[in-house]
Amino acid sequence: MQIAALYEIFKKSRKVQTDTRKMAAGEIFFALKGPNFNGNHYALKALEQGAAAVVVDEVQAMTDDRIFVVDDALKALQDLARHHRLQLSIPFIAITGSNGKTTTKELVHAVLSSHFKTATTQGNLNNHIGVPLTILSIPDDAEMAVIEMGANHQKEIAGYCQIALPTHGLITNCGKAHLEGFGGVDGIRKGKGELYDFLRESNGTVFVNSDMTDLMGMSLGMQNRIFYGQSKGSFNAEMAKASPLLTVEISRLDWGLHHLHTNLVGSYNLANIEAAICIGDHFGIPFPKIAQALATYVPNNARSQLMTKGTNSIFLDAYNANPSSMKVAIENFALQNHPNKWLLLGAMMELGESSVAEHQQLVELLESNQLNQVILVGGDFGKTKHPFIYFQDTTAACDWLSAHKPENGLLLIKGSRSIGMEKLLDVL
């Protein structure tokens, strides 16, 4: 009953908030808890700021008709999102994967929004709080929804599926990300595969990269599989050039041959582009619209981003890093034809017992590709054997770079989010 009553309030403002610093009158405030905060302590402030309702899971000293006391404020937020989802009879496309899910989500959104009113995950709102907030932001007149789902342990994707109730899904890949939380590579496949499990049971549709043998196996037997990739698909896409930006050659009998010039860095983005084309085509978007949407998409989220700073060209991919994404980024950078290449690499996190070994493998990859101008920053890079420059943190790296600035160089900046490699831009 409380969710139904909350939903009537929600329909008036269409806004929910979890931070009183961002509150506006008429919004619903959910008093969420975390390791270092307790939203229940801000319930009175939310009421003073004009909240239409305050959802708490600790009994308050005051009495107010706008206070809803629940067992778990987070679950109430998720239940409200699920209730809103049930009012929407539109395609819901869930996207997850170890690498490339955010870029794929952005590309899919660019393609779909060229033809349909499309709602999508903003920023990094892809977790237990972000997924329900994303769903609650979807307007009644939306024609499509694209929901990104991040995860670092099993049962997480399964939980998000119960809130978002996706009708379609895509797993970009099952790489070496969050090895510690998932319990190894098999655990990653199981965790990401929870999206397939939900769609298998609900008779949904999956878009499968036919070049990924593990995804082909995981989706085996599903009724509605749409394929893309070199091995099997309705169109052909090949890398034509990847220096400095990716150009893709696309062909199909009714499309002809088309050279798609993107603003993305790296041959590893080919699969992400193929996914967006496949989904756009599935929903009947004319190919010229698909191509135009992809050609004009410009990344601005520190993912696959090419930028210029002073005399240097910089590949900025500093939002996150794991062994799989690091490997392809280094290999792509090694292929770049430039006389003055620099790699500024931050450590990878959440790798558990295999962390030092995974960092050592990257060091050996750098050496085998004869990449010598390398700066390593933080974490378990400090426990590896290497001939490169190493700093414990970005502060020390910035100090060194201030005195040894690269000139006329091509730089790759990449690392796990917590390392903060984007700070190096300030001194370049």
Protein backbone atom coordinates (compact mmCIF):
# COMPACT_ATOMS: atom_id res chain seq x y z
CA MET A 1 0.00 0.00 0.00
CA GLN A 2 2.84 2.42 0.84
CA ILE A 3 4.39 2.03 -2.63
CA ALA A 4 1.06 2.78 -4.29
CA ALA A 5 0.62 5.88 -2.11
CA LEU A 6 4.20 6.97 -2.81
CA TYR A 7 3.64 6.52 -6.51
CA GLU A 8 0.67 8.89 -6.45
CA ILE A 9 2.95 11.49 -4.85
CA PHE A 10 5.72 10.68 -7.33
CA LYS A 11 3.42 11.28 -10.30
CA LYS A 12 3.03 14.93 -9.27
CA SER A 13 6.72 15.90 -9.28
CA ARG A 14 8.35 12.93 -11.07
CA LYS A 15 11.41 13.56 -8.92
CA VAL A 16 13.13 11.57 -6.19
CA GLN A 17 16.20 12.58 -4.23
CA THR A 18 18.75 10.88 -2.00
CA ASP A 19 20.81 13.97 -1.14
CA THR A 20 19.29 16.96 0.67
CA ARG A 21 21.98 19.20 -0.80
CA LYS A 22 20.26 18.72 -4.16
CA MET A 23 16.68 18.77 -2.86
CA ALA A 24 13.93 20.78 -4.51
CA ALA A 25 10.43 21.32 -3.16
CA GLY A 26 7.97 18.63 -4.17
CA GLU A 27 10.50 15.80 -4.48
CA ILE A 28 10.45 12.52 -2.55
CA PHE A 29 13.46 12.08 -0.27
CA PHE A 30 14.76 8.55 0.36
CA ALA A 31 16.90 8.26 3.48
CA LEU A 32 19.56 5.86 2.25
CA LYS A 33 22.42 4.55 4.37
CA GLY A 34 26.07 3.94 3.57
CA PRO A 35 29.32 3.19 5.40
CA ASN A 36 29.83 6.89 6.15
CA PHE A 37 26.34 8.39 6.08
CA ASN A 38 22.78 7.87 7.31
CA GLY A 39 20.06 9.64 5.37
CA ASN A 40 17.63 9.26 8.28
CA HIS A 41 19.55 12.04 10.04
CA TYR A 42 18.50 14.43 7.26
CA ALA A 43 14.78 13.65 7.23
CA LEU A 44 13.86 16.87 9.07
CA LYS A 45 16.00 18.94 6.72
CA ALA A 46 14.27 17.35 3.71
CA LEU A 47 10.87 18.28 5.16
CA GLU A 48 12.04 21.83 5.82
CA GLN A 49 13.12 22.05 2.18
CA GLY A 50 9.64 21.16 1.02
CA ALA A 51 9.87 17.43 0.34
CA ALA A 52 6.54 15.98 -0.79
CA ALA A 53 7.40 12.81 1.13
CA VAL A 54 10.29 11.44 3.17
CA VAL A 55 10.98 7.72 3.21
CA VAL A 56 12.90 6.58 6.30
CA ASP A 57 13.76 3.24 7.87
CA GLU A 58 14.39 4.57 11.36
CA VAL A 59 11.53 5.94 13.47
CA GLN A 60 11.71 9.73 13.66
CA ALA A 61 11.13 11.84 16.76
CA MET A 62 8.71 14.09 14.87
CA THR A 63 5.34 13.25 13.39
CA ASP A 64 4.38 14.41 9.93
CA ASP A 65 1.95 13.01 7.35
CA ARG A 66 4.75 13.20 4.78
CA ILE A 67 6.92 10.67 6.64
CA PHE A 68 6.78 7.08 5.38
CA VAL A 69 8.46 4.58 7.70
CA VAL A 70 9.59 1.42 5.89
CA ASP A 71 11.76 -1.55 6.75
CA ASP A 72 14.44 -0.59 4.21
CA ALA A 73 14.58 2.77 2.43
CA LEU A 74 16.75 1.39 -0.39
CA LYS A 75 14.31 -1.44 -1.06
CA ALA A 76 11.46 1.07 -1.06
CA LEU A 77 13.30 3.09 -3.71
CA GLN A 78 13.78 -0.06 -5.78
CA ASP A 79 10.14 -1.11 -5.29
CA LEU A 80 8.94 2.31 -6.42
CA ALA A 81 11.13 2.03 -9.52
CA ARG A 82 9.73 -1.41 -10.30
CA HIS A 83 6.18 -0.05 -9.89
CA HIS A 84 6.99 2.73 -12.36
CA ARG A 85 8.56 0.22 -14.73
CA LEU A 86 5.34 -1.78 -14.75
CA GLN A 87 3.47 1.26 -16.08
CA LEU A 88 5.74 1.42 -19.15
CA SER A 89 5.04 -0.92 -22.08
CA ILE A 90 8.15 -0.08 -24.12
CA PRO A 91 11.31 -1.99 -24.99
CA PHE A 92 13.77 -2.02 -22.09
CA ILE A 93 17.30 -2.85 -23.26
CA ALA A 94 19.70 -3.89 -20.48
CA ILE A 95 23.43 -3.68 -21.16
CA THR A 96 26.15 -5.18 -18.99
CA GLY A 97 29.65 -6.59 -19.44
CA SER A 98 33.18 -6.36 -18.10
CA ASN A 99 34.43 -3.85 -20.67
CA GLY A 100 32.74 -1.40 -23.00
CA LYS A 101 29.26 -1.37 -21.46
CA THR A 102 29.14 2.39 -20.94
CA THR A 103 30.45 3.18 -24.42
CA THR A 104 28.04 0.64 -25.91
CA LYS A 105 25.18 2.17 -23.92
CA GLU A 106 26.10 5.62 -25.21
CA LEU A 107 26.32 4.40 -28.82
CA VAL A 108 23.04 2.49 -28.59
CA HIS A 109 21.37 5.55 -27.11
CA ALA A 110 22.77 7.74 -29.88
CA VAL A 111 21.36 5.41 -32.52
CA LEU A 112 17.95 4.83 -30.92
CA SER A 113 17.42 8.50 -30.03
CA SER A 114 17.91 9.42 -33.70
CA HIS A 115 14.55 7.77 -34.35
CA PHE A 116 12.75 7.27 -31.02
CA LYS A 117 12.35 9.21 -27.78
CA THR A 118 14.90 7.25 -25.77
CA ALA A 119 15.69 7.36 -22.06
CA THR A 120 19.00 6.03 -20.80
CA THR A 121 21.34 5.74 -17.84
CA GLN A 122 23.12 9.00 -17.11
CA GLY A 123 26.74 9.03 -16.00
CA ASN A 124 27.61 6.03 -13.87
CA LEU A 125 24.15 5.41 -12.39
CA ASN A 126 24.41 1.67 -13.01
CA ASN A 127 24.35 0.21 -9.50
CA HIS A 128 21.77 -0.69 -6.80
CA ILE A 129 20.91 2.98 -6.38
CA GLY A 130 21.55 4.17 -9.94
CA VAL A 131 19.37 1.59 -11.69
CA PRO A 132 16.17 2.54 -9.79
CA LEU A 133 16.97 6.26 -10.12
CA THR A 134 17.39 5.77 -13.88
CA ILE A 135 14.06 3.97 -14.17
CA LEU A 136 12.26 6.64 -12.16
CA SER A 137 13.63 9.28 -14.53
CA ILE A 138 11.92 7.71 -17.55
CA PRO A 139 9.00 9.88 -18.74
CA ASP A 140 5.63 8.47 -19.73
CA ASP A 141 6.13 9.36 -23.39
CA ALA A 142 9.45 7.52 -23.74
CA GLU A 143 9.51 5.04 -26.62
CA MET A 144 12.71 3.20 -25.64
CA ALA A 145 14.79 2.70 -22.50
CA VAL A 146 18.46 1.72 -22.32
CA ILE A 147 19.60 0.61 -18.87
CA GLU A 148 23.26 0.04 -17.99
CA MET A 149 23.93 -2.54 -15.28
CA GLY A 150 27.26 -2.67 -13.50
CA ALA A 151 28.18 -5.42 -11.06
CA ASN A 152 31.08 -6.64 -8.95
CA HIS A 153 29.55 -9.79 -7.49
CA GLN A 154 27.08 -12.52 -8.34
CA LYS A 155 23.30 -12.08 -7.92
CA GLU A 156 23.67 -8.35 -8.57
CA ILE A 157 22.51 -8.38 -12.22
CA ALA A 158 19.71 -10.77 -11.27
CA GLY A 159 18.49 -8.22 -8.72
CA TYR A 160 18.58 -5.36 -11.22
CA CYS A 161 16.59 -7.44 -13.69
CA GLN A 162 13.81 -7.81 -11.12
CA ILE A 163 13.59 -4.01 -10.96
CA ALA A 164 14.11 -3.11 -14.63
CA LEU A 165 12.33 -6.14 -16.12
CA PRO A 166 14.28 -5.88 -19.40
CA THR A 167 12.72 -7.08 -22.63
CA HIS A 168 16.07 -7.09 -24.46
CA GLY A 169 19.64 -7.54 -23.31
CA LEU A 170 23.27 -7.39 -24.36
CA ILE A 171 26.45 -8.58 -22.64
CA THR A 172 29.47 -6.88 -24.19
CA ASN A 173 31.96 -9.47 -22.89
CA CYS A 174 33.07 -11.37 -19.81
CA GLY A 175 36.57 -10.04 -19.17
CA LYS A 176 38.80 -9.92 -16.11
CA ALA A 177 36.99 -7.27 -14.08
CA HIS A 178 36.16 -7.44 -10.36
CA LEU A 179 37.83 -10.83 -10.10
CA GLU A 180 37.84 -10.58 -6.32
CA GLY A 181 34.10 -10.00 -5.97
CA PHE A 182 33.03 -12.50 -8.63
CA GLY A 183 35.43 -15.20 -7.48
CA GLY A 184 37.35 -15.65 -10.75
CA VAL A 185 36.55 -15.77 -14.45
CA ASP A 186 33.88 -18.48 -14.11
CA GLY A 187 32.17 -16.34 -11.50
CA ILE A 188 32.22 -13.38 -13.89
CA ARG A 189 30.48 -15.42 -16.59
CA LYS A 190 27.90 -16.61 -14.11
CA GLY A 191 27.29 -13.11 -12.79
CA LYS A 192 27.01 -11.43 -16.20
CA GLY A 193 25.00 -14.40 -17.46
CA GLU A 194 22.24 -13.56 -15.00
CA LEU A 195 20.96 -11.16 -17.67
CA TYR A 196 20.64 -14.07 -20.12
CA ASP A 197 19.00 -16.14 -17.36
CA PHE A 198 16.28 -13.54 -16.83
CA LEU A 199 15.62 -13.09 -20.55
CA ARG A 200 15.59 -16.85 -21.10
CA GLU A 201 12.84 -17.22 -18.50
CA SER A 202 10.87 -14.21 -19.76
CA ASN A 203 11.28 -15.11 -23.44
CA GLY A 204 13.14 -11.89 -24.09
CA THR A 205 15.56 -11.04 -26.89
CA VAL A 206 19.35 -11.01 -26.63
CA PHE A 207 21.89 -9.38 -28.93
CA VAL A 208 24.93 -11.66 -29.02
CA ASN A 209 28.44 -11.00 -30.28
CA SER A 210 28.99 -14.09 -32.42
CA ASP A 211 32.77 -13.69 -32.12
CA MET A 212 32.61 -14.34 -28.37
CA THR A 213 32.55 -18.10 -27.93
CA ASP A 214 31.64 -17.82 -24.26
CA LEU A 215 28.63 -15.61 -25.01
CA MET A 216 27.53 -17.93 -27.79
CA GLY A 217 27.66 -20.83 -25.35
CA MET A 218 25.96 -18.96 -22.54
CA SER A 219 23.06 -17.95 -24.80
CA LEU A 220 22.69 -21.37 -26.42
CA GLY A 221 19.08 -22.53 -26.67
CA MET A 222 17.53 -19.11 -26.20
CA GLN A 223 14.57 -18.55 -28.49
CA ASN A 224 15.32 -14.97 -29.55
CA ARG A 225 18.99 -14.43 -30.38
CA ILE A 226 20.07 -11.63 -32.70
CA PHE A 227 23.71 -11.95 -33.79
CA TYR A 228 26.36 -9.43 -34.74
CA GLY A 229 30.07 -9.85 -35.41
CA GLN A 230 32.36 -11.40 -37.99
CA SER A 231 31.24 -14.98 -37.37
CA LYS A 232 27.50 -14.51 -37.74
CA GLY A 233 25.33 -11.46 -38.33
CA SER A 234 23.14 -9.58 -40.80
CA PHE A 235 25.92 -7.17 -41.84
CA ASN A 236 29.68 -7.10 -42.11
CA ALA A 237 31.85 -4.61 -40.22
CA GLU A 238 35.63 -4.47 -40.34
CA MET A 239 38.22 -2.09 -39.02
CA ALA A 240 39.56 0.07 -41.83
CA LYS A 241 41.82 2.28 -39.69
CA ALA A 242 42.51 2.87 -36.02
CA SER A 243 45.12 5.62 -36.03
CA PRO A 244 44.35 7.86 -34.33
CA LEU A 245 40.57 7.38 -34.55
CA LEU A 246 38.61 4.33 -35.57
CA THR A 247 37.19 4.03 -39.09
CA VAL A 248 34.89 1.07 -39.78
CA GLU A 249 33.98 -0.40 -43.15
CA ILE A 250 30.35 -1.57 -43.09
CA SER A 251 28.61 -3.52 -45.82
CA ARG A 252 25.32 -5.26 -46.49
CA LEU A 253 23.54 -5.93 -49.77
CA ASP A 254 20.80 -3.35 -49.18
CA TRP A 255 23.16 -0.85 -47.51
CA GLY A 256 26.07 -1.03 -49.91
CA LEU A 257 29.60 -0.26 -48.72
CA HIS A 258 30.01 2.51 -46.18
CA HIS A 259 33.07 3.95 -44.42
CA LEU A 260 32.08 5.10 -40.94
CA HIS A 261 34.52 7.63 -39.47
CA THR A 262 34.08 7.68 -35.68
CA ASN A 263 35.37 9.87 -32.86
CA LEU A 264 36.38 6.80 -30.87
CA VAL A 265 39.87 5.58 -30.02
CA GLY A 266 40.84 1.94 -30.42
CA SER A 267 40.02 -1.06 -32.56
CA TYR A 268 38.40 -2.61 -29.47
CA ASN A 269 35.45 -0.25 -30.04
CA LEU A 270 34.54 -2.11 -33.24
CA ALA A 271 32.37 -4.57 -31.28
CA ASN A 272 30.61 -1.70 -29.50
CA ILE A 273 29.80 -0.08 -32.83
CA GLU A 274 28.57 -3.40 -34.23
CA ALA A 275 26.26 -3.77 -31.23
CA ALA A 276 24.73 -0.33 -31.77
CA ILE A 277 24.21 -0.99 -35.49
CA CYS A 278 22.62 -4.36 -34.73
CA ILE A 279 20.17 -2.91 -32.20
CA GLY A 280 19.28 0.04 -34.42
CA ASP A 281 18.66 -2.26 -37.36
CA HIS A 282 16.56 -4.62 -35.23
CA PHE A 283 14.24 -1.76 -34.31
CA GLY A 284 13.88 -0.66 -37.92
CA ILE A 285 16.03 2.46 -37.97
CA PRO A 286 17.21 3.26 -41.53
CA PHE A 287 20.93 2.69 -41.97
CA PRO A 288 21.73 6.33 -42.94
CA LYS A 289 20.32 7.44 -39.59
CA ILE A 290 22.34 4.79 -37.76
CA ALA A 291 25.54 5.81 -39.52
CA GLN A 292 24.95 9.51 -38.90
CA ALA A 293 24.31 8.93 -35.20
CA LEU A 294 27.52 6.93 -34.80
CA ALA A 295 29.64 9.32 -36.84
CA THR A 296 28.57 12.34 -34.78
CA TYR A 297 28.87 10.71 -31.34
CA VAL A 298 31.72 12.30 -29.38
CA PRO A 299 32.82 10.68 -26.10
CA ASN A 300 33.22 13.09 -23.20
CA ASN A 301 33.39 10.77 -20.22
CA ALA A 302 37.13 9.89 -20.11
CA ARG A 303 36.40 6.75 -22.12
CA SER A 304 38.01 6.26 -25.55
CA GLN A 305 38.46 10.02 -25.77
CA LEU A 306 41.03 11.77 -27.97
CA MET A 307 42.03 15.23 -26.80
CA THR A 308 44.78 17.79 -27.32
CA LYS A 309 46.72 19.44 -24.50
CA GLY A 310 49.51 21.79 -25.48
CA THR A 311 51.62 20.06 -28.09
CA ASN A 312 50.44 16.58 -27.08
CA SER A 313 47.65 14.36 -28.35
CA ILE A 314 46.13 12.30 -25.56
CA PHE A 315 44.11 9.09 -25.53
CA LEU A 316 42.13 9.54 -22.31
CA ASP A 317 40.64 6.30 -21.01
CA ALA A 318 40.94 6.95 -17.30
CA TYR A 319 37.48 6.07 -16.07
CA ASN A 320 38.29 2.46 -15.28
CA ALA A 321 40.72 -0.35 -15.95
CA ASN A 322 40.98 -4.12 -15.63
CA PRO A 323 43.35 -6.66 -17.20
CA SER A 324 41.18 -7.13 -20.29
CA SER A 325 40.68 -3.45 -21.06
CA MET A 326 44.30 -2.61 -20.25
CA LYS A 327 45.57 -5.28 -22.63
CA VAL A 328 43.56 -4.09 -25.64
CA ALA A 329 44.36 -0.45 -24.89
CA ILE A 330 48.10 -1.15 -24.77
CA GLU A 331 47.98 -3.29 -27.91
CA ASN A 332 46.06 -0.60 -29.77
CA PHE A 333 48.51 2.06 -28.59
CA ALA A 334 51.47 -0.04 -29.71
CA LEU A 335 50.07 0.00 -33.26
CA GLN A 336 49.90 3.81 -33.39
CA ASN A 337 52.43 5.27 -35.82
CA HIS A 338 54.03 8.03 -33.77
CA PRO A 339 57.68 8.75 -32.91
CA ASN A 340 57.06 9.94 -29.34
CA LYS A 341 54.64 7.69 -27.48
CA TRP A 342 54.08 7.85 -23.72
CA LEU A 343 52.00 5.55 -21.55
CA LEU A 344 50.74 6.79 -18.18
CA LEU A 345 49.11 3.80 -16.53
CA GLY A 346 47.38 3.62 -13.17
CA ALA A 347 46.99 0.39 -11.20
CA MET A 348 43.97 -1.92 -11.45
CA MET A 349 41.80 -2.62 -8.42
CA GLU A 350 39.58 -5.45 -7.11
CA LEU A 351 41.68 -8.25 -8.58
CA GLY A 352 42.16 -10.24 -5.38
CA GLU A 353 44.94 -12.79 -5.16
CA SER A 354 45.76 -12.53 -8.86
CA SER A 355 46.43 -8.78 -8.71
CA VAL A 356 50.24 -8.79 -8.68
CA ALA A 357 50.38 -11.45 -11.42
CA GLU A 358 47.96 -9.48 -13.61
CA HIS A 359 50.01 -6.30 -13.19
CA GLN A 360 53.19 -8.23 -14.00
CA GLN A 361 51.61 -9.52 -17.22
CA LEU A 362 50.90 -5.96 -18.30
CA VAL A 363 54.50 -4.97 -17.59
CA GLU A 364 55.68 -7.83 -19.78
CA LEU A 365 53.23 -6.79 -22.50
CA LEU A 366 54.70 -3.29 -22.44
CA GLU A 367 58.22 -4.67 -22.75
CA SER A 368 57.33 -7.08 -25.55
CA ASN A 369 55.86 -4.20 -27.55
CA GLN A 370 59.01 -2.15 -26.94
CA LEU A 371 57.07 0.62 -25.24
CA ASN A 372 59.73 2.37 -23.20
CA GLN A 373 58.37 5.76 -22.17
CA VAL A 374 56.09 4.43 -19.46
CA ILE A 375 54.98 5.85 -16.13
CA LEU A 376 53.26 3.46 -13.72
CA VAL A 377 51.19 4.79 -10.83
CA GLY A 378 49.99 3.20 -7.63
CA GLY A 379 48.73 -0.14 -6.37
CA ASP A 380 50.34 -3.42 -7.30
CA PHE A 381 52.44 -1.93 -10.08
CA GLY A 382 54.76 -1.23 -7.16
CA LYS A 383 55.17 -4.98 -6.55
CA THR A 384 56.14 -5.85 -10.11
CA LYS A 385 59.57 -6.15 -11.70
CA HIS A 386 59.92 -3.55 -14.43
CA PRO A 387 62.34 -1.03 -15.95
CA PHE A 388 59.85 1.84 -15.95
CA ILE A 389 59.27 4.96 -13.86
CA TYR A 390 56.96 4.26 -10.92
CA PHE A 391 55.14 6.54 -8.47
CA GLN A 392 53.01 5.58 -5.49
CA ASP A 393 50.25 8.05 -6.35
CA THR A 394 49.16 10.68 -8.84
CA THR A 395 50.50 13.52 -6.66
CA ALA A 396 54.04 12.22 -7.04
CA ALA A 397 53.47 11.54 -10.73
CA CYS A 398 52.19 15.09 -11.26
CA ASP A 399 55.27 16.52 -9.54
CA TRP A 400 57.56 14.57 -11.85
CA LEU A 401 55.57 15.41 -14.98
CA SER A 402 55.64 19.10 -14.12
CA ALA A 403 59.41 18.98 -14.48
CA HIS A 404 59.52 16.48 -17.36
CA LYS A 405 56.63 17.44 -19.60
CA PRO A 406 56.33 15.43 -22.83
CA GLU A 407 56.41 17.59 -25.94
CA ASN A 408 54.84 16.72 -29.31
CA GLY A 409 53.87 13.36 -27.90
CA LEU A 410 51.08 10.82 -28.22
CA LEU A 411 49.96 9.83 -24.72
CA LEU A 412 47.73 7.09 -23.34
CA ILE A 413 46.30 7.78 -19.88
CA LYS A 414 44.48 4.84 -18.32
CA GLY A 415 43.86 3.41 -14.86
CA SER A 416 41.26 2.38 -12.32
CA ARG A 417 38.89 5.12 -11.22
CA SER A 418 40.22 5.27 -7.66
CA ILE A 419 43.75 6.08 -8.87
CA GLY A 420 42.53 9.34 -10.45
CA MET A 421 44.76 9.34 -13.51
CA GLU A 422 42.82 12.25 -15.03
CA LYS A 423 44.63 14.50 -12.50
CA LEU A 424 47.73 14.20 -14.70
CA LEU A 425 45.99 16.34 -17.30
CA ASP A 426 46.42 19.35 -15.02
CA VAL A 427 50.21 19.37 -15.45
CA LEU A 428 50.48 18.36 -19.09
